[in-house]
C-alpha atoms as a PDB file:
ATOM      1  CA  MET A   1      -5.514   2.102 -14.294  1.00  0.00           C
ATOM      2  CA  VAL A   2      -6.281   5.262 -13.091  1.00  0.00           C
ATOM      3  CA  GLU A   3      -4.050   6.328 -10.167  1.00  0.00           C
ATOM      4  CA  ARG A   4      -5.266   8.854  -7.683  1.00  0.00           C
ATOM      5  CA  PHE A   5      -1.761   9.747  -6.475  1.00  0.00           C
ATOM      6  CA  SER A   6       1.944   8.855  -7.362  1.00  0.00           C
ATOM      7  CA  LEU A   7       3.237   5.686  -5.529  1.00  0.00           C
ATOM      8  CA  SER A   8       6.913   7.414  -6.188  1.00  0.00           C
ATOM      9  CA  ARG A   9       9.510   4.769  -5.326  1.00  0.00           C
ATOM     10  CA  THR A  10       8.003   1.448  -4.133  1.00  0.00           C
ATOM     11  CA  TYR A  11       9.783  -0.918  -1.790  1.00  0.00           C
ATOM     12  CA  LEU A  12       9.194  -4.366  -0.507  1.00  0.00           C
ATOM     13  CA  THR A  13      10.518  -5.471   3.028  1.00  0.00           C
ATOM     14  CA  ARG A  14      12.838  -8.229   2.881  1.00  0.00           C
ATOM     15  CA  GLY A  15       9.853 -10.787   4.236  1.00  0.00           C
ATOM     16  CA  VAL A  16       7.547  -9.558   1.294  1.00  0.00           C
ATOM     17  CA  ASN A  17      10.374  -9.777  -1.321  1.00  0.00           C
ATOM     18  CA  ASP A  18      11.280 -13.220  -0.186  1.00  0.00           C
ATOM     19  CA  LEU A  19       7.694 -14.480  -0.456  1.00  0.00           C
ATOM     20  CA  VAL A  20       7.010 -12.802  -3.785  1.00  0.00           C
ATOM     21  CA  ALA A  21      10.155 -14.475  -5.182  1.00  0.00           C
ATOM     22  CA  GLU A  22       8.795 -18.019  -3.801  1.00  0.00           C
ATOM     23  CA  SER A  23       5.124 -17.810  -4.616  1.00  0.00           C
ATOM     24  CA  LEU A  24       3.596 -16.762  -8.057  1.00  0.00           C
ATOM     25  CA  PRO A  25       0.050 -16.472  -6.428  1.00  0.00           C
ATOM     26  CA  PHE A  26       1.364 -14.098  -3.595  1.00  0.00           C
ATOM     27  CA  ALA A  27       3.267 -12.046  -6.056  1.00  0.00           C
ATOM     28  CA  LYS A  28      -0.032 -11.704  -8.178  1.00  0.00           C
ATOM     29  CA  PHE A  29      -1.745 -10.736  -4.881  1.00  0.00           C
ATOM     30  CA  VAL A  30       0.860  -8.062  -4.018  1.00  0.00           C
ATOM     31  CA  MET A  31       0.697  -6.516  -7.610  1.00  0.00           C
ATOM     32  CA  GLY A  32      -3.160  -6.418  -7.481  1.00  0.00           C
ATOM     33  CA  CYS A  33      -3.225  -4.923  -4.210  1.00  0.00           C
ATOM     34  CA  LEU A  34      -0.662  -2.410  -5.214  1.00  0.00           C
ATOM     35  CA  GLN A  35      -2.920  -1.332  -8.288  1.00  0.00           C
ATOM     36  CA  ARG A  36      -5.855  -1.149  -5.919  1.00  0.00           C
ATOM     37  CA  HIS A  37      -4.134   0.980  -3.321  1.00  0.00           C
ATOM     38  CA  ALA A  38      -3.060   3.430  -6.224  1.00  0.00           C
ATOM     39  CA  ARG A  39      -6.575   3.563  -7.541  1.00  0.00           C
ATOM     40  CA  GLY A  40      -7.723   4.635  -3.761  1.00  0.00           C
ATOM     41  CA  ASP A  41      -9.133   1.233  -2.881  1.00  0.00           C
ATOM     42  CA  TRP A  42      -7.792   1.083   0.637  1.00  0.00           C
ATOM     43  CA  GLY A  43      -8.680  -2.572   1.090  1.00  0.00           C
ATOM     44  CA  ASN A  44      -9.696  -3.817   4.604  1.00  0.00           C
ATOM     45  CA  VAL A  45      -9.339  -1.012   6.661  1.00  0.00           C
ATOM     46  CA  GLY A  46     -12.236   0.419   8.975  1.00  0.00           C
ATOM     47  CA  LYS A  47     -14.287   3.138   7.975  1.00  0.00           C
ATOM     48  CA  GLU A  48     -12.350   5.758   9.941  1.00  0.00           C
ATOM     49  CA  ASP A  49      -9.098   4.721   8.295  1.00  0.00           C
ATOM     50  CA  TRP A  50     -10.956   4.890   4.946  1.00  0.00           C
ATOM     51  CA  LEU A  51     -11.959   8.494   5.594  1.00  0.00           C
ATOM     52  CA  ALA A  52      -8.609   9.507   6.933  1.00  0.00           C
ATOM     53  CA  ASN A  53      -6.949   8.103   3.653  1.00  0.00           C
ATOM     54  CA  GLU A  54      -9.430  10.148   1.650  1.00  0.00           C
ATOM     55  CA  GLN A  55      -8.511  13.210   3.618  1.00  0.00           C
ATOM     56  CA  ALA A  56      -4.808  12.377   3.094  1.00  0.00           C
ATOM     57  CA  LEU A  57      -5.443  12.696  -0.667  1.00  0.00           C
ATOM     58  CA  VAL A  58      -6.604  16.391  -0.161  1.00  0.00           C
ATOM     59  CA  ASN A  59      -3.934  17.461   2.678  1.00  0.00           C
ATOM     60  CA  GLY A  60      -0.972  15.263   1.645  1.00  0.00           C
ATOM     61  CA  SER A  61      -0.593  13.092   4.653  1.00  0.00           C
ATOM     62  CA  ARG A  62       0.413   9.292   4.743  1.00  0.00           C
ATOM     63  CA  LEU A  63      -2.019   6.700   3.255  1.00  0.00           C
ATOM     64  CA  VAL A  64      -2.358   3.316   4.589  1.00  0.00           C
ATOM     65  CA  SER A  65      -4.039   0.296   3.057  1.00  0.00           C
ATOM     66  CA  VAL A  66      -4.566  -3.173   4.418  1.00  0.00           C
ATOM     67  CA  TYR A  67      -5.169  -6.342   1.982  1.00  0.00           C
ATOM     68  CA  GLU A  68      -5.815  -9.758   3.180  1.00  0.00           C
ATOM     69  CA  THR A  69      -7.411 -12.868   1.563  1.00  0.00           C
ATOM     70  CA  TYR A  70      -8.145 -16.188   3.147  1.00  0.00           C
ATOM     71  CA  ASP A  71      -5.170 -18.229   1.731  1.00  0.00           C
ATOM     72  CA  LEU A  72      -2.427 -15.615   1.894  1.00  0.00           C
ATOM     73  CA  PRO A  73      -0.678 -13.521   4.317  1.00  0.00           C
ATOM     74  CA  LYS A  74      -1.988 -10.007   5.315  1.00  0.00           C
ATOM     75  CA  ILE A  75      -0.131  -7.052   3.753  1.00  0.00           C
ATOM     76  CA  TRP A  76       0.082  -3.354   4.549  1.00  0.00           C
ATOM     77  CA  ILE A  77       0.887  -0.669   1.814  1.00  0.00           C
ATOM     78  CA  ILE A  78       2.071   2.659   3.188  1.00  0.00           C
ATOM     79  CA  THR A  79       2.664   5.668   1.001  1.00  0.00           C
ATOM     80  CA  GLU A  80       4.422   8.393   2.863  1.00  0.00           C
ATOM     81  CA  ALA A  81       3.134  12.006   3.195  1.00  0.00           C
ATOM     82  CA  ILE A  82       4.111  14.767   0.680  1.00  0.00           C
ATOM     83  CA  GLY A  83       7.341  16.247   1.568  1.00  0.00           C
ATOM     84  CA  ASP A  84       8.919  19.700   1.253  1.00  0.00           C
ATOM     85  CA  ASP A  85       9.509  19.114  -2.345  1.00  0.00           C
ATOM     86  CA  GLY A  86       5.821  18.405  -3.119  1.00  0.00           C
ATOM     87  CA  CYS A  87       6.205  14.776  -3.714  1.00  0.00           C
ATOM     88  CA  ARG A  88       5.449  11.681  -1.847  1.00  0.00           C
ATOM     89  CA  ALA A  89       8.944  10.049  -1.127  1.00  0.00           C
ATOM     90  CA  SER A  90       8.026   6.278  -1.340  1.00  0.00           C
ATOM     91  CA  THR A  91       5.551   3.507  -0.987  1.00  0.00           C
ATOM     92  CA  CYS A  92       6.329   0.343   0.963  1.00  0.00           C
ATOM     93  CA  ILE A  93       4.664  -2.969   1.011  1.00  0.00           C
ATOM     94  CA  LEU A  94       5.091  -4.968   4.471  1.00  0.00           C
ATOM     95  CA  PHE A  95       3.805  -7.623   6.617  1.00  0.00           C
ATOM     96  CA  PRO A  96       2.114  -6.091   9.732  1.00  0.00           C
ATOM     97  CA  ASP A  97       4.553  -7.705  12.048  1.00  0.00           C
ATOM     98  CA  GLU A  98       7.451  -5.867   9.946  1.00  0.00           C
ATOM     99  CA  TYR A  99       6.099  -2.312  10.936  1.00  0.00           C
END
Protein backbone atom coordinates (compact mmCIF):
# COMPACT_ATOMS: atom_id res chain seq x y z
CA MET A 1 0.00 0.00 0.00
CA VAL A 2 1.36 3.41 -0.96
CA GLU A 3 0.29 6.04 1.54
CA ARG A 4 -0.12 9.60 0.29
CA PHE A 5 0.22 11.01 3.82
CA SER A 6 0.93 9.84 7.36
CA LEU A 7 -2.05 8.76 9.43
CA SER A 8 -0.08 9.45 12.62
CA ARG A 9 -1.79 8.12 15.72
CA THR A 10 -5.05 6.40 14.84
CA TYR A 11 -8.02 6.37 17.18
CA LEU A 12 -11.42 4.70 17.19
CA THR A 13 -14.36 6.21 18.99
CA ARG A 14 -16.01 4.04 21.61
CA GLY A 15 -18.89 3.16 19.28
CA VAL A 16 -16.61 2.08 16.44
CA ASN A 17 -14.29 0.23 18.82
CA ASP A 18 -17.18 -1.69 20.39
CA LEU A 19 -18.55 -2.79 17.01
CA VAL A 20 -15.06 -3.74 15.75
CA ALA A 21 -14.73 -5.99 18.81
CA GLU A 22 -18.14 -7.60 18.13
CA SER A 23 -18.12 -7.97 14.35
CA LEU A 24 -15.35 -9.39 12.19
CA PRO A 25 -17.00 -8.14 8.97
CA PHE A 26 -17.16 -4.61 10.40
CA ALA A 27 -13.54 -4.84 11.62
CA LYS A 28 -12.42 -5.83 8.11
CA PHE A 29 -14.50 -2.99 6.63
CA VAL A 30 -12.85 -0.46 8.96
CA MET A 31 -9.33 -1.70 8.15
CA GLY A 32 -10.04 -1.61 4.41
CA CYS A 33 -11.44 1.91 4.68
CA LEU A 34 -8.40 3.08 6.64
CA GLN A 35 -6.15 1.75 3.89
CA ARG A 36 -8.26 3.50 1.24
CA HIS A 37 -8.11 6.76 3.20
CA ALA A 38 -4.30 6.59 3.45
CA ARG A 39 -4.09 5.99 -0.33
CA GLY A 40 -6.23 9.06 -1.02
CA ASP A 41 -9.44 7.22 -1.91
CA TRP A 42 -11.90 9.46 -0.07
CA GLY A 43 -14.83 7.08 -0.41
CA ASN A 44 -18.33 8.47 -0.72
CA VAL A 45 -17.64 12.19 -0.43
CA GLY A 46 -19.01 14.58 -3.04
CA LYS A 47 -16.90 16.11 -5.79
CA GLU A 48 -16.35 19.34 -3.85
CA ASP A 49 -15.13 17.48 -0.75
CA TRP A 50 -12.96 15.19 -2.89
CA LEU A 51 -11.27 18.25 -4.40
CA ALA A 52 -10.90 19.82 -0.94
CA ASN A 53 -9.09 16.69 0.26
CA GLU A 54 -6.77 16.79 -2.75
CA GLN A 55 -5.98 20.42 -1.93
CA ALA A 56 -5.47 19.47 1.73
CA LEU A 57 -2.69 17.12 0.65
CA VAL A 58 -0.91 20.22 -0.68
CA ASN A 59 -1.75 22.79 1.99
CA GLY A 60 -1.81 20.48 5.03
CA SER A 61 -5.42 21.03 6.11
CA ARG A 62 -7.77 18.39 7.49
CA LEU A 63 -8.73 15.31 5.43
CA VAL A 64 -12.19 13.76 5.65
CA SER A 65 -13.41 10.50 4.11
CA VAL A 66 -16.80 8.80 4.19
CA TYR A 67 -17.29 5.08 3.65
CA GLU A 68 -20.47 3.08 3.50
CA THR A 69 -21.68 -0.24 2.27
CA TYR A 70 -25.17 -1.68 2.07
CA ASP A 71 -24.96 -3.92 5.15
CA LEU A 72 -22.65 -2.08 7.58
CA PRO A 73 -22.83 1.29 9.32
CA LYS A 74 -21.37 4.37 7.63
CA ILE A 75 -18.05 5.58 9.04
CA TRP A 76 -16.09 8.78 8.75
CA ILE A 77 -12.31 8.96 8.88
CA ILE A 78 -10.77 12.31 9.77
CA THR A 79 -7.07 13.08 9.70
CA GLU A 80 -6.23 16.35 11.40
CA ALA A 81 -4.35 19.22 9.76
CA ILE A 82 -0.59 19.52 9.91
CA GLY A 83 0.44 21.25 13.13
CA ASP A 84 3.27 23.60 13.99
CA ASP A 85 5.58 20.61 14.26
CA GLY A 86 5.00 19.77 10.58
CA CYS A 87 3.10 16.56 11.33
CA ARG A 88 -0.50 15.46 11.34
CA ALA A 89 -1.45 14.79 14.95
CA SER A 90 -4.00 12.01 14.53
CA THR A 91 -6.59 10.13 12.55
CA CYS A 92 -9.97 9.26 14.04
CA ILE A 93 -12.51 6.70 12.84
CA LEU A 94 -16.05 7.49 13.96
CA PHE A 95 -19.72 7.14 13.24
CA PRO A 96 -21.32 10.34 11.87
CA ASP A 97 -23.49 10.71 14.99
CA GLU A 98 -20.34 10.72 17.15
CA TYR A 99 -18.96 13.89 15.51
